[in-house]
mmCIF file of all heavy atoms, coordinates in Angstrom:
data_MODEL
# 
_entry.id   MODEL 
# 
loop_
_atom_site.group_PDB 
_atom_site.id 
_atom_site.type_symbol 
_atom_site.label_atom_id 
_atom_site.label_alt_id 
_atom_site.label_comp_id 
_atom_site.label_asym_id 
_atom_site.label_entity_id 
_atom_site.label_seq_id 
_atom_site.pdbx_PDB_ins_code 
_atom_site.Cartn_x 
_atom_site.Cartn_y 
_atom_site.Cartn_z 
_atom_site.occupancy 
_atom_site.B_iso_or_equiv 
_atom_site.pdbx_formal_charge 
_atom_site.auth_seq_id 
_atom_site.auth_comp_id 
_atom_site.auth_asym_id 
_atom_site.auth_atom_id 
_atom_site.pdbx_PDB_model_num 
ATOM 1   N N   . LYS A 1 1  ? -18.575 -22.993 0.538  1.00 0.00 ? 1  LYS A N   1 
ATOM 2   C CA  . LYS A 1 1  ? -18.709 -21.557 0.724  1.00 0.00 ? 1  LYS A CA  1 
ATOM 3   C C   . LYS A 1 1  ? -17.424 -20.999 1.301  1.00 0.00 ? 1  LYS A C   1 
ATOM 4   O O   . LYS A 1 1  ? -16.520 -21.758 1.661  1.00 0.00 ? 1  LYS A O   1 
ATOM 5   C CB  . LYS A 1 1  ? -19.903 -21.258 1.658  1.00 0.00 ? 1  LYS A CB  1 
ATOM 6   C CG  . LYS A 1 1  ? -21.257 -21.621 1.078  1.00 0.00 ? 1  LYS A CG  1 
ATOM 7   C CD  . LYS A 1 1  ? -22.377 -21.127 1.965  1.00 0.00 ? 1  LYS A CD  1 
ATOM 8   C CE  . LYS A 1 1  ? -23.717 -21.395 1.310  1.00 0.00 ? 1  LYS A CE  1 
ATOM 9   N NZ  . LYS A 1 1  ? -24.855 -20.869 2.153  1.00 0.00 ? 1  LYS A NZ  1 
ATOM 10  N N   . VAL A 1 2  ? -17.353 -19.683 1.387  1.00 0.00 ? 2  VAL A N   1 
ATOM 11  C CA  . VAL A 1 2  ? -16.184 -19.058 2.007  1.00 0.00 ? 2  VAL A CA  1 
ATOM 12  C C   . VAL A 1 2  ? -16.585 -18.681 3.440  1.00 0.00 ? 2  VAL A C   1 
ATOM 13  O O   . VAL A 1 2  ? -17.611 -18.030 3.671  1.00 0.00 ? 2  VAL A O   1 
ATOM 14  C CB  . VAL A 1 2  ? -15.713 -17.816 1.194  1.00 0.00 ? 2  VAL A CB  1 
ATOM 15  C CG1 . VAL A 1 2  ? -16.771 -16.769 1.087  1.00 0.00 ? 2  VAL A CG1 1 
ATOM 16  C CG2 . VAL A 1 2  ? -14.455 -17.242 1.837  1.00 0.00 ? 2  VAL A CG2 1 
ATOM 17  N N   . LEU A 1 3  ? -15.829 -19.171 4.400  1.00 0.00 ? 3  LEU A N   1 
ATOM 18  C CA  . LEU A 1 3  ? -16.130 -18.996 5.829  1.00 0.00 ? 3  LEU A CA  1 
ATOM 19  C C   . LEU A 1 3  ? -15.164 -17.971 6.429  1.00 0.00 ? 3  LEU A C   1 
ATOM 20  O O   . LEU A 1 3  ? -13.950 -18.129 6.340  1.00 0.00 ? 3  LEU A O   1 
ATOM 21  C CB  . LEU A 1 3  ? -16.007 -20.336 6.556  1.00 0.00 ? 3  LEU A CB  1 
ATOM 22  C CG  . LEU A 1 3  ? -16.166 -20.308 8.069  1.00 0.00 ? 3  LEU A CG  1 
ATOM 23  C CD1 . LEU A 1 3  ? -17.641 -20.050 8.444  1.00 0.00 ? 3  LEU A CD1 1 
ATOM 24  C CD2 . LEU A 1 3  ? -15.688 -21.617 8.692  1.00 0.00 ? 3  LEU A CD2 1 
ATOM 25  N N   . PHE A 1 4  ? -15.724 -16.933 7.040  1.00 0.00 ? 4  PHE A N   1 
ATOM 26  C CA  . PHE A 1 4  ? -14.897 -15.909 7.720  1.00 0.00 ? 4  PHE A CA  1 
ATOM 27  C C   . PHE A 1 4  ? -14.423 -16.443 9.057  1.00 0.00 ? 4  PHE A C   1 
ATOM 28  O O   . PHE A 1 4  ? -15.237 -16.863 9.887  1.00 0.00 ? 4  PHE A O   1 
ATOM 29  C CB  . PHE A 1 4  ? -15.695 -14.632 7.908  1.00 0.00 ? 4  PHE A CB  1 
ATOM 30  C CG  . PHE A 1 4  ? -15.917 -13.875 6.620  1.00 0.00 ? 4  PHE A CG  1 
ATOM 31  C CD1 . PHE A 1 4  ? -16.968 -14.204 5.767  1.00 0.00 ? 4  PHE A CD1 1 
ATOM 32  C CD2 . PHE A 1 4  ? -15.080 -12.844 6.248  1.00 0.00 ? 4  PHE A CD2 1 
ATOM 33  C CE1 . PHE A 1 4  ? -17.183 -13.525 4.596  1.00 0.00 ? 4  PHE A CE1 1 
ATOM 34  C CE2 . PHE A 1 4  ? -15.277 -12.141 5.057  1.00 0.00 ? 4  PHE A CE2 1 
ATOM 35  C CZ  . PHE A 1 4  ? -16.314 -12.497 4.224  1.00 0.00 ? 4  PHE A CZ  1 
ATOM 36  N N   . VAL A 1 5  ? -13.114 -16.411 9.296  1.00 0.00 ? 5  VAL A N   1 
ATOM 37  C CA  . VAL A 1 5  ? -12.560 -16.918 10.568 1.00 0.00 ? 5  VAL A CA  1 
ATOM 38  C C   . VAL A 1 5  ? -11.898 -15.814 11.393 1.00 0.00 ? 5  VAL A C   1 
ATOM 39  O O   . VAL A 1 5  ? -11.671 -16.021 12.607 1.00 0.00 ? 5  VAL A O   1 
ATOM 40  C CB  . VAL A 1 5  ? -11.563 -18.053 10.316 1.00 0.00 ? 5  VAL A CB  1 
ATOM 41  C CG1 . VAL A 1 5  ? -12.261 -19.252 9.716  1.00 0.00 ? 5  VAL A CG1 1 
ATOM 42  C CG2 . VAL A 1 5  ? -10.378 -17.618 9.439  1.00 0.00 ? 5  VAL A CG2 1 
ATOM 43  N N   . ASP A 1 6  ? -11.594 -14.683 10.802 1.00 0.00 ? 6  ASP A N   1 
ATOM 44  C CA  . ASP A 1 6  ? -11.058 -13.550 11.617 1.00 0.00 ? 6  ASP A CA  1 
ATOM 45  C C   . ASP A 1 6  ? -11.253 -12.258 10.843 1.00 0.00 ? 6  ASP A C   1 
ATOM 46  O O   . ASP A 1 6  ? -11.434 -12.261 9.624  1.00 0.00 ? 6  ASP A O   1 
ATOM 47  C CB  . ASP A 1 6  ? -9.578  -13.775 11.880 1.00 0.00 ? 6  ASP A CB  1 
ATOM 48  C CG  . ASP A 1 6  ? -9.073  -12.965 13.060 1.00 0.00 ? 6  ASP A CG  1 
ATOM 49  O OD1 . ASP A 1 6  ? -9.913  -12.325 13.771 1.00 0.00 ? 6  ASP A OD1 1 
ATOM 50  O OD2 . ASP A 1 6  ? -7.857  -12.958 13.327 1.00 0.00 ? 6  ASP A OD2 1 
ATOM 51  N N   . GLN A 1 7  ? -11.231 -11.154 11.600 1.00 0.00 ? 7  GLN A N   1 
ATOM 52  C CA  . GLN A 1 7  ? -11.406 -9.844  10.961 1.00 0.00 ? 7  GLN A CA  1 
ATOM 53  C C   . GLN A 1 7  ? -10.766 -8.759  11.840 1.00 0.00 ? 7  GLN A C   1 
ATOM 54  O O   . GLN A 1 7  ? -10.906 -8.761  13.068 1.00 0.00 ? 7  GLN A O   1 
ATOM 55  C CB  . GLN A 1 7  ? -12.893 -9.524  10.797 1.00 0.00 ? 7  GLN A CB  1 
ATOM 56  C CG  . GLN A 1 7  ? -13.160 -8.209  10.091 1.00 0.00 ? 7  GLN A CG  1 
ATOM 57  C CD  . GLN A 1 7  ? -14.654 -8.004  9.817  1.00 0.00 ? 7  GLN A CD  1 
ATOM 58  O OE1 . GLN A 1 7  ? -15.411 -7.728  10.720 1.00 0.00 ? 7  GLN A OE1 1 
ATOM 59  N NE2 . GLN A 1 7  ? -15.051 -8.159  8.550  1.00 0.00 ? 7  GLN A NE2 1 
ATOM 60  N N   . ILE A 1 8  ? -10.014 -7.878  11.171 1.00 0.00 ? 8  ILE A N   1 
ATOM 61  C CA  . ILE A 1 8  ? -9.444  -6.713  11.857 1.00 0.00 ? 8  ILE A CA  1 
ATOM 62  C C   . ILE A 1 8  ? -10.243 -5.497  11.348 1.00 0.00 ? 8  ILE A C   1 
ATOM 63  O O   . ILE A 1 8  ? -10.255 -5.209  10.155 1.00 0.00 ? 8  ILE A O   1 
ATOM 64  C CB  . ILE A 1 8  ? -7.969  -6.542  11.484 1.00 0.00 ? 8  ILE A CB  1 
ATOM 65  C CG1 . ILE A 1 8  ? -7.180  -7.833  11.720 1.00 0.00 ? 8  ILE A CG1 1 
ATOM 66  C CG2 . ILE A 1 8  ? -7.361  -5.377  12.270 1.00 0.00 ? 8  ILE A CG2 1 
ATOM 67  C CD1 . ILE A 1 8  ? -7.216  -8.326  13.172 1.00 0.00 ? 8  ILE A CD1 1 
ATOM 68  N N   . ILE A 1 9  ? -10.920 -4.835  12.236 1.00 0.00 ? 9  ILE A N   1 
ATOM 69  C CA  . ILE A 1 9  ? -11.830 -3.732  11.859 1.00 0.00 ? 9  ILE A CA  1 
ATOM 70  C C   . ILE A 1 9  ? -11.093 -2.392  12.002 1.00 0.00 ? 9  ILE A C   1 
ATOM 71  O O   . ILE A 1 9  ? -10.540 -2.073  13.046 1.00 0.00 ? 9  ILE A O   1 
ATOM 72  C CB  . ILE A 1 9  ? -13.082 -3.736  12.751 1.00 0.00 ? 9  ILE A CB  1 
ATOM 73  C CG1 . ILE A 1 9  ? -13.825 -5.057  12.567 1.00 0.00 ? 9  ILE A CG1 1 
ATOM 74  C CG2 . ILE A 1 9  ? -13.997 -2.573  12.381 1.00 0.00 ? 9  ILE A CG2 1 
ATOM 75  C CD1 . ILE A 1 9  ? -15.062 -5.200  13.442 1.00 0.00 ? 9  ILE A CD1 1 
ATOM 76  N N   . ALA A 1 10 ? -11.096 -1.636  10.917 1.00 0.00 ? 10 ALA A N   1 
ATOM 77  C CA  . ALA A 1 10 ? -10.487 -0.303  10.910 1.00 0.00 ? 10 ALA A CA  1 
ATOM 78  C C   . ALA A 1 10 ? -11.452 0.704   11.483 1.00 0.00 ? 10 ALA A C   1 
ATOM 79  O O   . ALA A 1 10 ? -12.676 0.510   11.470 1.00 0.00 ? 10 ALA A O   1 
ATOM 80  C CB  . ALA A 1 10 ? -10.069 0.073   9.502  1.00 0.00 ? 10 ALA A CB  1 
ATOM 81  N N   . ALA A 1 11 ? -10.905 1.829   11.951 1.00 0.00 ? 11 ALA A N   1 
ATOM 82  C CA  . ALA A 1 11 ? -11.719 2.843   12.599 1.00 0.00 ? 11 ALA A CA  1 
ATOM 83  C C   . ALA A 1 11 ? -12.310 3.814   11.553 1.00 0.00 ? 11 ALA A C   1 
ATOM 84  O O   . ALA A 1 11 ? -11.809 4.900   11.350 1.00 0.00 ? 11 ALA A O   1 
ATOM 85  C CB  . ALA A 1 11 ? -10.888 3.612   13.613 1.00 0.00 ? 11 ALA A CB  1 
ATOM 86  N N   . HIS A 1 12 ? -13.361 3.342   10.876 1.00 0.00 ? 12 HIS A N   1 
ATOM 87  C CA  . HIS A 1 12 ? -14.082 4.171   9.916  1.00 0.00 ? 12 HIS A CA  1 
ATOM 88  C C   . HIS A 1 12 ? -15.557 4.221   10.337 1.00 0.00 ? 12 HIS A C   1 
ATOM 89  O O   . HIS A 1 12 ? -16.106 3.187   10.761 1.00 0.00 ? 12 HIS A O   1 
ATOM 90  C CB  . HIS A 1 12 ? -13.982 3.629   8.500  1.00 0.00 ? 12 HIS A CB  1 
ATOM 91  C CG  . HIS A 1 12 ? -12.729 4.003   7.784  1.00 0.00 ? 12 HIS A CG  1 
ATOM 92  N ND1 . HIS A 1 12 ? -12.422 5.307   7.439  1.00 0.00 ? 12 HIS A ND1 1 
ATOM 93  C CD2 . HIS A 1 12 ? -11.700 3.256   7.340  1.00 0.00 ? 12 HIS A CD2 1 
ATOM 94  C CE1 . HIS A 1 12 ? -11.248 5.325   6.804  1.00 0.00 ? 12 HIS A CE1 1 
ATOM 95  N NE2 . HIS A 1 12 ? -10.807 4.115   6.747  1.00 0.00 ? 12 HIS A NE2 1 
ATOM 96  N N   . PRO A 1 13 ? -16.228 5.336   10.161 1.00 0.00 ? 13 PRO A N   1 
ATOM 97  C CA  . PRO A 1 13 ? -17.663 5.377   10.474 1.00 0.00 ? 13 PRO A CA  1 
ATOM 98  C C   . PRO A 1 13 ? -18.478 4.519   9.513  1.00 0.00 ? 13 PRO A C   1 
ATOM 99  O O   . PRO A 1 13 ? -19.524 3.979   9.870  1.00 0.00 ? 13 PRO A O   1 
ATOM 100 C CB  . PRO A 1 13 ? -18.025 6.866   10.327 1.00 0.00 ? 13 PRO A CB  1 
ATOM 101 C CG  . PRO A 1 13 ? -16.966 7.436   9.481  1.00 0.00 ? 13 PRO A CG  1 
ATOM 102 C CD  . PRO A 1 13 ? -15.723 6.674   9.778  1.00 0.00 ? 13 PRO A CD  1 
ATOM 103 N N   . LEU A 1 14 ? -18.003 4.360   8.271  1.00 0.00 ? 14 LEU A N   1 
ATOM 104 C CA  . LEU A 1 14 ? -18.676 3.546   7.294  1.00 0.00 ? 14 LEU A CA  1 
ATOM 105 C C   . LEU A 1 14 ? -17.825 2.321   6.989  1.00 0.00 ? 14 LEU A C   1 
ATOM 106 O O   . LEU A 1 14 ? -16.709 2.421   6.487  1.00 0.00 ? 14 LEU A O   1 
ATOM 107 C CB  . LEU A 1 14 ? -18.877 4.336   5.978  1.00 0.00 ? 14 LEU A CB  1 
ATOM 108 C CG  . LEU A 1 14 ? -19.699 3.634   4.860  1.00 0.00 ? 14 LEU A CG  1 
ATOM 109 C CD1 . LEU A 1 14 ? -21.091 3.300   5.345  1.00 0.00 ? 14 LEU A CD1 1 
ATOM 110 C CD2 . LEU A 1 14 ? -19.745 4.530   3.634  1.00 0.00 ? 14 LEU A CD2 1 
ATOM 111 N N   . GLN A 1 15 ? -18.357 1.124   7.383  1.00 0.00 ? 15 GLN A N   1 
ATOM 112 C CA  . GLN A 1 15 ? -17.557 -0.086  7.328  1.00 0.00 ? 15 GLN A CA  1 
ATOM 113 C C   . GLN A 1 15 ? -18.239 -1.187  6.536  1.00 0.00 ? 15 GLN A C   1 
ATOM 114 O O   . GLN A 1 15 ? -19.459 -1.196  6.348  1.00 0.00 ? 15 GLN A O   1 
ATOM 115 C CB  . GLN A 1 15 ? -17.342 -0.628  8.758  1.00 0.00 ? 15 GLN A CB  1 
ATOM 116 C CG  . GLN A 1 15 ? -16.412 0.180   9.620  1.00 0.00 ? 15 GLN A CG  1 
ATOM 117 C CD  . GLN A 1 15 ? -14.949 0.029   9.173  1.00 0.00 ? 15 GLN A CD  1 
ATOM 118 O OE1 . GLN A 1 15 ? -14.645 -0.745  8.272  1.00 0.00 ? 15 GLN A OE1 1 
ATOM 119 N NE2 . GLN A 1 15 ? -14.050 0.760   9.833  1.00 0.00 ? 15 GLN A NE2 1 
ATOM 120 N N   . ALA A 1 16 ? -17.438 -2.137  6.060  1.00 0.00 ? 16 ALA A N   1 
ATOM 121 C CA  . ALA A 1 16 ? -17.938 -3.364  5.455  1.00 0.00 ? 16 ALA A CA  1 
ATOM 122 C C   . ALA A 1 16 ? -17.468 -4.506  6.310  1.00 0.00 ? 16 ALA A C   1 
ATOM 123 O O   . ALA A 1 16 ? -16.323 -4.968  6.157  1.00 0.00 ? 16 ALA A O   1 
ATOM 124 C CB  . ALA A 1 16 ? -17.455 -3.523  4.017  1.00 0.00 ? 16 ALA A CB  1 
ATOM 125 N N   . THR A 1 17 ? -18.285 -4.960  7.269  1.00 0.00 ? 17 THR A N   1 
ATOM 126 C CA  . THR A 1 17 ? -17.861 -5.965  8.219  1.00 0.00 ? 17 THR A CA  1 
ATOM 127 C C   . THR A 1 17 ? -18.727 -7.202  8.149  1.00 0.00 ? 17 THR A C   1 
ATOM 128 O O   . THR A 1 17 ? -19.911 -7.132  7.791  1.00 0.00 ? 17 THR A O   1 
ATOM 129 C CB  . THR A 1 17 ? -17.890 -5.421  9.662  1.00 0.00 ? 17 THR A CB  1 
ATOM 130 O OG1 . THR A 1 17 ? -19.227 -5.013  9.982  1.00 0.00 ? 17 THR A OG1 1 
ATOM 131 C CG2 . THR A 1 17 ? -16.963 -4.225  9.816  1.00 0.00 ? 17 THR A CG2 1 
ATOM 132 N N   . SER A 1 18 ? -18.108 -8.353  8.497  1.00 0.00 ? 18 SER A N   1 
ATOM 133 C CA  . SER A 1 18 ? -18.823 -9.627  8.566  1.00 0.00 ? 18 SER A CA  1 
ATOM 134 C C   . SER A 1 18 ? -18.316 -10.371 9.809  1.00 0.00 ? 18 SER A C   1 
ATOM 135 O O   . SER A 1 18 ? -17.125 -10.437 10.024 1.00 0.00 ? 18 SER A O   1 
ATOM 136 C CB  . SER A 1 18 ? -18.586 -10.479 7.342  1.00 0.00 ? 18 SER A CB  1 
ATOM 137 O OG  . SER A 1 18 ? -18.983 -9.802  6.169  1.00 0.00 ? 18 SER A OG  1 
ATOM 138 N N   . GLN A 1 19 ? -19.216 -10.870 10.609 1.00 0.00 ? 19 GLN A N   1 
ATOM 139 C CA  . GLN A 1 19 ? -18.828 -11.567 11.804 1.00 0.00 ? 19 GLN A CA  1 
ATOM 140 C C   . GLN A 1 19 ? -18.080 -12.844 11.485 1.00 0.00 ? 19 GLN A C   1 
ATOM 141 O O   . GLN A 1 19 ? -18.490 -13.601 10.575 1.00 0.00 ? 19 GLN A O   1 
ATOM 142 C CB  . GLN A 1 19 ? -20.064 -11.901 12.659 1.00 0.00 ? 19 GLN A CB  1 
ATOM 143 C CG  . GLN A 1 19 ? -20.732 -10.699 13.273 1.00 0.00 ? 19 GLN A CG  1 
ATOM 144 C CD  . GLN A 1 19 ? -19.880 -10.014 14.312 1.00 0.00 ? 19 GLN A CD  1 
ATOM 145 O OE1 . GLN A 1 19 ? -19.093 -10.668 15.017 1.00 0.00 ? 19 GLN A OE1 1 
ATOM 146 N NE2 . GLN A 1 19 ? -19.995 -8.718  14.420 1.00 0.00 ? 19 GLN A NE2 1 
ATOM 147 N N   . PRO A 1 20 ? -16.971 -13.149 12.197 1.00 0.00 ? 20 PRO A N   1 
ATOM 148 C CA  . PRO A 1 20 ? -16.330 -14.471 12.029 1.00 0.00 ? 20 PRO A CA  1 
ATOM 149 C C   . PRO A 1 20 ? -17.371 -15.562 12.260 1.00 0.00 ? 20 PRO A C   1 
ATOM 150 O O   . PRO A 1 20 ? -18.161 -15.509 13.191 1.00 0.00 ? 20 PRO A O   1 
ATOM 151 C CB  . PRO A 1 20 ? -15.262 -14.456 13.129 1.00 0.00 ? 20 PRO A CB  1 
ATOM 152 C CG  . PRO A 1 20 ? -14.888 -12.997 13.265 1.00 0.00 ? 20 PRO A CG  1 
ATOM 153 C CD  . PRO A 1 20 ? -16.203 -12.257 13.092 1.00 0.00 ? 20 PRO A CD  1 
ATOM 154 N N   . GLY A 1 21 ? -17.346 -16.548 11.396 1.00 0.00 ? 21 GLY A N   1 
ATOM 155 C CA  . GLY A 1 21 ? -18.363 -17.601 11.437 1.00 0.00 ? 21 GLY A CA  1 
ATOM 156 C C   . GLY A 1 21 ? -19.413 -17.466 10.342 1.00 0.00 ? 21 GLY A C   1 
ATOM 157 O O   . GLY A 1 21 ? -20.106 -18.413 10.030 1.00 0.00 ? 21 GLY A O   1 
ATOM 158 N N   . ALA A 1 22 ? -19.485 -16.256 9.756  1.00 0.00 ? 22 ALA A N   1 
ATOM 159 C CA  . ALA A 1 22 ? -20.413 -16.041 8.658  1.00 0.00 ? 22 ALA A CA  1 
ATOM 160 C C   . ALA A 1 22 ? -19.861 -16.672 7.405  1.00 0.00 ? 22 ALA A C   1 
ATOM 161 O O   . ALA A 1 22 ? -18.646 -16.789 7.230  1.00 0.00 ? 22 ALA A O   1 
ATOM 162 C CB  . ALA A 1 22 ? -20.636 -14.555 8.436  1.00 0.00 ? 22 ALA A CB  1 
ATOM 163 N N   . SER A 1 23 ? -20.737 -17.138 6.516  1.00 0.00 ? 23 SER A N   1 
ATOM 164 C CA  . SER A 1 23 ? -20.276 -17.755 5.279  1.00 0.00 ? 23 SER A CA  1 
ATOM 165 C C   . SER A 1 23 ? -20.968 -17.048 4.098  1.00 0.00 ? 23 SER A C   1 
ATOM 166 O O   . SER A 1 23 ? -22.127 -16.700 4.170  1.00 0.00 ? 23 SER A O   1 
ATOM 167 C CB  . SER A 1 23 ? -20.579 -19.250 5.258  1.00 0.00 ? 23 SER A CB  1 
ATOM 168 O OG  . SER A 1 23 ? -21.959 -19.479 5.411  1.00 0.00 ? 23 SER A OG  1 
ATOM 169 N N   . PHE A 1 24 ? -20.186 -16.870 3.027  1.00 0.00 ? 24 PHE A N   1 
ATOM 170 C CA  . PHE A 1 24 ? -20.657 -16.194 1.819  1.00 0.00 ? 24 PHE A CA  1 
ATOM 171 C C   . PHE A 1 24 ? -20.419 -17.076 0.612  1.00 0.00 ? 24 PHE A C   1 
ATOM 172 O O   . PHE A 1 24 ? -19.617 -18.004 0.652  1.00 0.00 ? 24 PHE A O   1 
ATOM 173 C CB  . PHE A 1 24 ? -19.931 -14.844 1.639  1.00 0.00 ? 24 PHE A CB  1 
ATOM 174 C CG  . PHE A 1 24 ? -20.373 -13.749 2.575  1.00 0.00 ? 24 PHE A CG  1 
ATOM 175 C CD1 . PHE A 1 24 ? -19.600 -12.624 2.758  1.00 0.00 ? 24 PHE A CD1 1 
ATOM 176 C CD2 . PHE A 1 24 ? -21.556 -13.860 3.307  1.00 0.00 ? 24 PHE A CD2 1 
ATOM 177 C CE1 . PHE A 1 24 ? -20.009 -11.611 3.613  1.00 0.00 ? 24 PHE A CE1 1 
ATOM 178 C CE2 . PHE A 1 24 ? -21.979 -12.858 4.179  1.00 0.00 ? 24 PHE A CE2 1 
ATOM 179 C CZ  . PHE A 1 24 ? -21.209 -11.741 4.322  1.00 0.00 ? 24 PHE A CZ  1 
ATOM 180 N N   . PRO A 1 25 ? -21.092 -16.802 -0.511 1.00 0.00 ? 25 PRO A N   1 
ATOM 181 C CA  . PRO A 1 25 ? -20.873 -17.591 -1.724 1.00 0.00 ? 25 PRO A CA  1 
ATOM 182 C C   . PRO A 1 25 ? -19.485 -17.359 -2.314 1.00 0.00 ? 25 PRO A C   1 
ATOM 183 O O   . PRO A 1 25 ? -18.865 -16.343 -2.059 1.00 0.00 ? 25 PRO A O   1 
ATOM 184 C CB  . PRO A 1 25 ? -21.961 -17.094 -2.667 1.00 0.00 ? 25 PRO A CB  1 
ATOM 185 C CG  . PRO A 1 25 ? -22.331 -15.726 -2.146 1.00 0.00 ? 25 PRO A CG  1 
ATOM 186 C CD  . PRO A 1 25 ? -22.166 -15.785 -0.659 1.00 0.00 ? 25 PRO A CD  1 
ATOM 187 N N   . LEU A 1 26 ? -19.035 -18.322 -3.079 1.00 0.00 ? 26 LEU A N   1 
ATOM 188 C CA  . LEU A 1 26 ? -17.708 -18.266 -3.665 1.00 0.00 ? 26 LEU A CA  1 
ATOM 189 C C   . LEU A 1 26 ? -17.642 -17.390 -4.919 1.00 0.00 ? 26 LEU A C   1 
ATOM 190 O O   . LEU A 1 26 ? -16.659 -16.689 -5.148 1.00 0.00 ? 26 LEU A O   1 
ATOM 191 C CB  . LEU A 1 26 ? -17.212 -19.670 -4.031 1.00 0.00 ? 26 LEU A CB  1 
ATOM 192 C CG  . LEU A 1 26 ? -16.941 -20.642 -2.876 1.00 0.00 ? 26 LEU A CG  1 
ATOM 193 C CD1 . LEU A 1 26 ? -16.802 -22.047 -3.403 1.00 0.00 ? 26 LEU A CD1 1 
ATOM 194 C CD2 . LEU A 1 26 ? -15.714 -20.221 -2.112 1.00 0.00 ? 26 LEU A CD2 1 
ATOM 195 N N   . HIS A 1 27 ? -18.690 -17.440 -5.736 1.00 0.00 ? 27 HIS A N   1 
ATOM 196 C CA  . HIS A 1 27 ? -18.590 -16.910 -7.105 1.00 0.00 ? 27 HIS A CA  1 
ATOM 197 C C   . HIS A 1 27 ? -18.669 -15.400 -7.187 1.00 0.00 ? 27 HIS A C   1 
ATOM 198 O O   . HIS A 1 27 ? -18.350 -14.814 -8.236 1.00 0.00 ? 27 HIS A O   1 
ATOM 199 C CB  . HIS A 1 27 ? -19.711 -17.513 -7.964 1.00 0.00 ? 27 HIS A CB  1 
ATOM 200 C CG  . HIS A 1 27 ? -21.087 -17.044 -7.651 1.00 0.00 ? 27 HIS A CG  1 
ATOM 201 N ND1 . HIS A 1 27 ? -21.799 -17.539 -6.575 1.00 0.00 ? 27 HIS A ND1 1 
ATOM 202 C CD2 . HIS A 1 27 ? -21.882 -16.145 -8.225 1.00 0.00 ? 27 HIS A CD2 1 
ATOM 203 C CE1 . HIS A 1 27 ? -22.996 -16.956 -6.519 1.00 0.00 ? 27 HIS A CE1 1 
ATOM 204 N NE2 . HIS A 1 27 ? -23.072 -16.100 -7.548 1.00 0.00 ? 27 HIS A NE2 1 
ATOM 205 N N   . CYS A 1 28 ? -19.080 -14.713 -6.110 1.00 0.00 ? 28 CYS A N   1 
ATOM 206 C CA  . CYS A 1 28 ? -19.259 -13.248 -6.213 1.00 0.00 ? 28 CYS A CA  1 
ATOM 207 C C   . CYS A 1 28 ? -18.553 -12.493 -5.100 1.00 0.00 ? 28 CYS A C   1 
ATOM 208 O O   . CYS A 1 28 ? -18.860 -11.300 -4.882 1.00 0.00 ? 28 CYS A O   1 
ATOM 209 C CB  . CYS A 1 28 ? -20.748 -12.918 -6.247 1.00 0.00 ? 28 CYS A CB  1 
ATOM 210 S SG  . CYS A 1 28 ? -21.655 -13.531 -4.808 1.00 0.00 ? 28 CYS A SG  1 
# 
């Protein structure tokens, strides 16, 4: 899987964020 290890969050009211440590599928 793809594992999130860091994230820089921009100052937008509507965001697409994932906590470091979360894992997502590779194919999509």
